[in-house]
């Protein structure tokens, strides 16, 4: 595992390994450490997770590590035992970075697969789900998701970790280059009615909310991500990620990649 700052654009850091599996495990260990830190501070933890293959792999890795970390109380020392007793009611809130505007039971929704992936630590989790077309319009669903974010996190609580995936065109969540209205919005969640990737209607967290995080991990795995990642590491490239950086100058932003660049 190689971790280093990019000298050309020092506000980004890289986590590099040839093995995607090693990268998933490394980031999952960091996420669980952040969750346990929040619990030790006496508060719930909050995690943003992306969909797709990356989100699913991360959900499975976090599930296993979190289960192991919270089931050692009987075997640890007295401090460990007291900690595990103290945090029995602590929760990890799972927020979707973006969601397809589809029924809850749709196989094409991202959260359907992620919820199913948490088989060992489900009792510790709370999933906040985007509403469906059966109940609200797209704009209303985005507004309701934004309200939930604002209610639970307010203006001061930061996400303990944000997990995103870099698209070949440089998009993150469902925020695409050139979509000025959504990128400029200060809302916690925005309606996307013109996603280049079907289905077109989606709800995405806004840049201002995504950037409110202690650590942001952007996965760029596979040769198809080389052009987008190279541009960003050179200080140019995709607009959404650069907006994220500008919105949160103090956050640790990592590109997690299996590409030698």
Protein backbone atom coordinates (compact mmCIF):
# COMPACT_ATOMS: atom_id res chain seq x y z
CA UNK A 1 0.00 0.00 0.00
CA UNK A 2 1.39 3.36 -1.03
CA UNK A 3 0.10 6.62 0.42
CA UNK A 4 1.51 9.93 -0.72
CA UNK A 5 0.63 13.52 -1.43
CA UNK A 6 0.56 14.74 -5.00
CA UNK A 7 3.28 17.40 -5.24
CA UNK A 8 1.58 19.15 -8.16
CA UNK A 9 -1.72 19.50 -6.34
CA UNK A 10 -0.94 18.94 -2.63
CA UNK A 11 -4.55 19.22 -1.48
CA UNK A 12 -5.24 15.72 -2.83
CA UNK A 13 -3.66 12.54 -1.50
CA UNK A 14 -3.43 9.09 -3.01
CA UNK A 15 -3.91 5.60 -1.64
CA UNK A 16 -2.39 3.24 -4.18
CA UNK A 17 -2.31 -0.54 -4.35
CA UNK A 18 -2.37 -2.93 -7.30
CA UNK A 19 -5.08 -4.90 -5.52
CA UNK A 20 -8.56 -3.43 -5.38
CA UNK A 21 -9.36 -5.85 -2.56
CA UNK A 22 -6.50 -4.48 -0.47
CA UNK A 23 -7.76 -0.95 -1.10
CA UNK A 24 -11.29 -1.85 0.00
CA UNK A 25 -9.94 -3.41 3.19
CA UNK A 26 -7.65 -0.46 3.95
CA UNK A 27 -10.37 2.14 3.55
CA UNK A 28 -12.87 -0.01 5.49
CA UNK A 29 -10.42 -0.18 8.41
CA UNK A 30 -10.16 3.62 8.36
CA UNK A 31 -13.92 4.05 8.20
CA UNK A 32 -14.54 1.71 11.13
CA UNK A 33 -11.84 3.48 13.16
CA UNK A 34 -13.66 6.77 12.52
CA UNK A 35 -16.97 5.20 13.54
CA UNK A 36 -15.52 3.88 16.79
CA UNK A 37 -13.97 7.28 17.49
CA UNK A 38 -17.40 8.91 17.13
CA UNK A 39 -18.93 6.35 19.47
CA UNK A 40 -16.20 6.92 22.03
CA UNK A 41 -17.13 10.61 21.90
CA UNK A 42 -20.69 9.65 22.77
CA UNK A 43 -22.36 10.38 19.42
CA UNK A 44 -23.74 8.50 16.46
CA UNK A 45 -21.49 8.14 13.41
CA UNK A 46 -22.46 9.20 9.90
CA UNK A 47 -21.17 7.62 6.68
CA UNK A 48 -21.89 8.51 3.05
CA UNK A 49 -21.54 5.60 0.65
CA UNK A 50 -21.76 5.38 -3.12
CA UNK A 51 -23.62 2.76 -5.13
CA UNK A 52 -22.39 0.33 -7.78
CA UNK A 53 -19.61 -2.23 -7.45
CA UNK A 54 -17.46 0.02 -5.31
CA UNK A 55 -20.25 0.74 -2.85
CA UNK A 56 -21.17 -2.91 -2.58
CA UNK A 57 -17.57 -4.01 -2.00
CA UNK A 58 -17.10 -1.33 0.64
CA UNK A 59 -20.35 -2.24 2.38
CA UNK A 60 -19.25 -5.87 2.65
CA UNK A 61 -15.80 -4.92 3.96
CA UNK A 62 -17.15 -2.42 6.52
CA UNK A 63 -19.80 -4.89 7.67
CA UNK A 64 -17.22 -7.55 8.53
CA UNK A 65 -14.72 -5.21 10.21
CA UNK A 66 -17.39 -3.38 12.20
CA UNK A 67 -18.85 -6.69 13.40
CA UNK A 68 -15.44 -7.87 14.56
CA UNK A 69 -14.69 -4.55 16.25
CA UNK A 70 -17.95 -4.54 18.22
CA UNK A 71 -17.92 -8.16 19.33
CA UNK A 72 -14.70 -8.34 21.33
CA UNK A 73 -15.92 -6.93 24.62
CA UNK A 74 -16.00 -10.22 26.47
CA UNK A 75 -12.43 -11.03 25.47
CA UNK A 76 -10.74 -7.63 25.83
CA UNK A 77 -9.44 -5.81 28.87
CA UNK A 78 -11.63 -3.90 31.31
CA UNK A 79 -11.46 -0.68 29.25
CA UNK A 80 -12.63 -2.54 26.16
CA UNK A 81 -15.51 -4.12 28.05
CA UNK A 82 -16.59 -0.78 29.46
CA UNK A 83 -16.43 0.78 25.99
CA UNK A 84 -18.60 -1.90 24.41
CA UNK A 85 -21.16 -1.57 27.19
CA UNK A 86 -21.18 2.20 26.75
CA UNK A 87 -21.85 2.14 23.02
CA UNK A 88 -24.53 -0.55 22.89
CA UNK A 89 -27.08 2.04 21.75
CA UNK A 90 -24.73 3.89 19.36
CA UNK A 91 -25.69 3.86 15.70
CA UNK A 92 -24.00 4.25 12.35
CA UNK A 93 -26.15 6.28 9.97
CA UNK A 94 -25.73 5.25 6.33
CA UNK A 95 -26.50 7.97 3.79
CA UNK A 96 -26.51 7.43 0.03
CA UNK A 97 -24.38 9.86 -1.96
CA UNK A 98 -27.02 9.58 -4.67
CA UNK A 99 -29.97 7.38 -5.49
CA UNK A 100 -31.99 6.46 -8.55
CA UNK A 101 -35.56 7.71 -8.28
CA UNK A 102 -37.21 4.29 -8.32
CA UNK A 103 -39.45 2.15 -6.07
CA UNK A 104 -37.85 0.82 -2.87
CA UNK A 105 -38.00 -2.77 -4.10
CA UNK A 106 -36.38 -2.02 -7.45
CA UNK A 107 -33.28 -4.04 -8.25
CA UNK A 108 -31.85 -0.92 -9.89
CA UNK A 109 -31.79 1.10 -6.67
CA UNK A 110 -28.37 1.32 -5.06
CA UNK A 111 -29.51 1.10 -1.45
CA UNK A 112 -31.38 -2.16 -2.05
CA UNK A 113 -28.06 -3.96 -2.60
CA UNK A 114 -26.15 -2.10 0.09
CA UNK A 115 -28.70 -2.84 2.80
CA UNK A 116 -28.57 -6.52 1.88
CA UNK A 117 -24.75 -6.47 2.09
CA UNK A 118 -24.72 -5.60 5.80
CA UNK A 119 -25.47 -9.07 7.09
CA UNK A 120 -23.46 -9.03 10.34
CA UNK A 121 -23.81 -5.52 11.77
CA UNK A 122 -27.30 -4.55 10.60
CA UNK A 123 -28.51 -3.99 14.18
CA UNK A 124 -26.00 -1.14 14.47
CA UNK A 125 -27.14 0.69 11.35
CA UNK A 126 -29.76 3.19 10.29
CA UNK A 127 -30.30 3.60 6.54
CA UNK A 128 -31.78 6.90 5.38
CA UNK A 129 -33.51 6.15 2.07
CA UNK A 130 -34.57 8.49 -0.71
CA UNK A 131 -38.33 8.55 -1.28
CA UNK A 132 -40.01 6.92 -4.27
CA UNK A 133 -42.10 8.08 -7.25
CA UNK A 134 -45.15 6.47 -5.65
CA UNK A 135 -45.20 9.08 -2.89
CA UNK A 136 -43.40 12.23 -4.07
CA UNK A 137 -42.21 14.08 -7.13
CA UNK A 138 -38.48 14.11 -7.85
CA UNK A 139 -38.14 17.66 -6.48
CA UNK A 140 -40.11 16.74 -3.35
CA UNK A 141 -37.95 13.64 -2.78
CA UNK A 142 -34.78 15.75 -3.01
CA UNK A 143 -36.26 18.31 -0.63
CA UNK A 144 -37.20 15.61 1.89
CA UNK A 145 -33.74 14.02 1.73
CA UNK A 146 -32.16 17.46 2.22
CA UNK A 147 -34.42 18.08 5.22
CA UNK A 148 -33.37 14.75 6.79
CA UNK A 149 -29.70 15.64 6.31
CA UNK A 150 -30.16 19.09 7.79
CA UNK A 151 -32.16 17.75 10.73
CA UNK A 152 -29.67 15.03 11.67
CA UNK A 153 -26.42 16.86 10.98
CA UNK A 154 -27.32 20.54 11.15
CA UNK A 155 -24.55 22.90 10.16
CA UNK A 156 -21.88 21.65 12.55
CA UNK A 157 -21.85 17.85 12.43
CA UNK A 158 -19.48 16.46 9.81
CA UNK A 159 -19.68 13.10 8.10
CA UNK A 160 -17.13 10.77 9.65
CA UNK A 161 -16.31 9.52 6.15
CA UNK A 162 -17.57 9.95 2.60
CA UNK A 163 -17.06 7.20 0.02
CA UNK A 164 -17.42 8.17 -3.64
CA UNK A 165 -16.53 6.71 -7.02
CA UNK A 166 -15.02 8.72 -9.87
CA UNK A 167 -16.81 8.29 -13.19
CA UNK A 168 -15.00 8.07 -16.50
CA UNK A 169 -16.34 11.53 -17.30
CA UNK A 170 -15.26 12.84 -13.91
CA UNK A 171 -18.63 12.76 -12.16
CA UNK A 172 -19.08 11.93 -8.49
CA UNK A 173 -22.40 10.88 -6.91
CA UNK A 174 -24.84 12.04 -9.61
CA UNK A 175 -23.13 15.40 -10.03
CA UNK A 176 -21.89 15.64 -13.60
CA UNK A 177 -19.51 18.07 -15.31
CA UNK A 178 -21.41 20.88 -16.96
CA UNK A 179 -24.50 20.63 -14.73
CA UNK A 180 -24.07 24.14 -13.35
CA UNK A 181 -27.41 24.44 -11.59
CA UNK A 182 -26.89 21.36 -9.45
CA UNK A 183 -23.20 22.10 -8.84
CA UNK A 184 -23.99 25.67 -7.77
CA UNK A 185 -26.80 24.66 -5.41
CA UNK A 186 -26.23 25.10 -1.68
CA UNK A 187 -28.98 22.60 -0.84
CA UNK A 188 -28.05 19.44 1.06
CA UNK A 189 -29.64 17.35 -1.70
CA UNK A 190 -30.60 18.20 -5.27
CA UNK A 191 -32.93 16.78 -7.93
CA UNK A 192 -31.20 15.41 -11.04
CA UNK A 193 -33.58 15.02 -13.96
CA UNK A 194 -31.02 14.71 -16.75
CA UNK A 195 -28.39 12.18 -15.69
CA UNK A 196 -26.39 11.04 -18.76
CA UNK A 197 -26.46 7.56 -17.26
CA UNK A 198 -29.94 6.00 -17.11
CA UNK A 199 -32.20 6.27 -15.31
CA UNK A 200 -32.17 10.05 -15.78
CA UNK A 201 -34.09 11.03 -12.61
CA UNK A 202 -32.00 10.82 -9.44
CA UNK A 203 -31.50 12.48 -6.08
CA UNK A 204 -27.94 13.46 -5.23
CA UNK A 205 -26.29 15.09 -2.26
CA UNK A 206 -25.15 18.59 -3.07
CA UNK A 207 -21.50 19.62 -3.11
CA UNK A 208 -21.87 21.73 0.03
CA UNK A 209 -23.13 18.77 2.07
CA UNK A 210 -20.79 16.15 0.59
CA UNK A 211 -17.84 18.36 1.42
CA UNK A 212 -18.79 18.56 5.11
CA UNK A 213 -16.64 15.60 6.06
CA UNK A 214 -13.57 14.65 8.03
CA UNK A 215 -12.29 12.37 5.27
CA UNK A 216 -13.41 11.85 1.66
CA UNK A 217 -12.32 8.77 -0.29
CA UNK A 218 -12.79 8.88 -4.07
CA UNK A 219 -12.28 5.49 -5.72
CA UNK A 220 -10.76 5.45 -9.21
CA UNK A 221 -10.31 1.79 -10.06
CA UNK A 222 -9.54 0.37 -13.47
CA UNK A 223 -7.94 1.63 -16.66
CA UNK A 224 -11.10 3.46 -17.74
CA UNK A 225 -10.54 6.01 -14.94
CA UNK A 226 -6.98 6.93 -15.95
CA UNK A 227 -7.78 10.03 -18.02
CA UNK A 228 -10.13 11.55 -15.43
CA UNK A 229 -7.78 10.79 -12.53
CA UNK A 230 -4.68 12.06 -14.35
CA UNK A 231 -6.37 15.37 -15.01
CA UNK A 232 -7.39 15.81 -11.39
CA UNK A 233 -3.96 14.93 -10.05
CA UNK A 234 -2.47 17.49 -12.42
CA UNK A 235 -4.70 20.15 -10.90
CA UNK A 236 -7.20 20.24 -13.74
CA UNK A 237 -9.94 17.91 -14.91
CA UNK A 238 -13.43 17.26 -13.66
CA UNK A 239 -15.44 20.13 -12.29
CA UNK A 240 -17.40 18.29 -9.54
CA UNK A 241 -14.29 17.09 -7.68
CA UNK A 242 -12.59 20.47 -7.88
CA UNK A 243 -15.80 22.07 -6.54
CA UNK A 244 -15.71 19.56 -3.69
CA UNK A 245 -12.12 20.54 -2.90
CA UNK A 246 -12.93 24.26 -2.97
CA UNK A 247 -15.96 23.76 -0.73
CA UNK A 248 -13.99 21.87 1.92
CA UNK A 249 -10.38 23.09 2.01
CA UNK A 250 -9.67 21.40 5.34
CA UNK A 251 -11.00 17.92 4.56
CA UNK A 252 -8.63 15.07 3.80
CA UNK A 253 -9.45 14.01 0.23
CA UNK A 254 -7.93 10.74 -0.97
CA UNK A 255 -7.94 9.23 -4.45
CA UNK A 256 -8.07 5.47 -3.91
CA UNK A 257 -6.64 3.82 -7.00
CA UNK A 258 -4.98 0.80 -8.54
CA UNK A 259 -3.46 2.95 -11.30
CA UNK A 260 0.20 3.96 -11.35
CA UNK A 261 0.10 7.64 -12.32
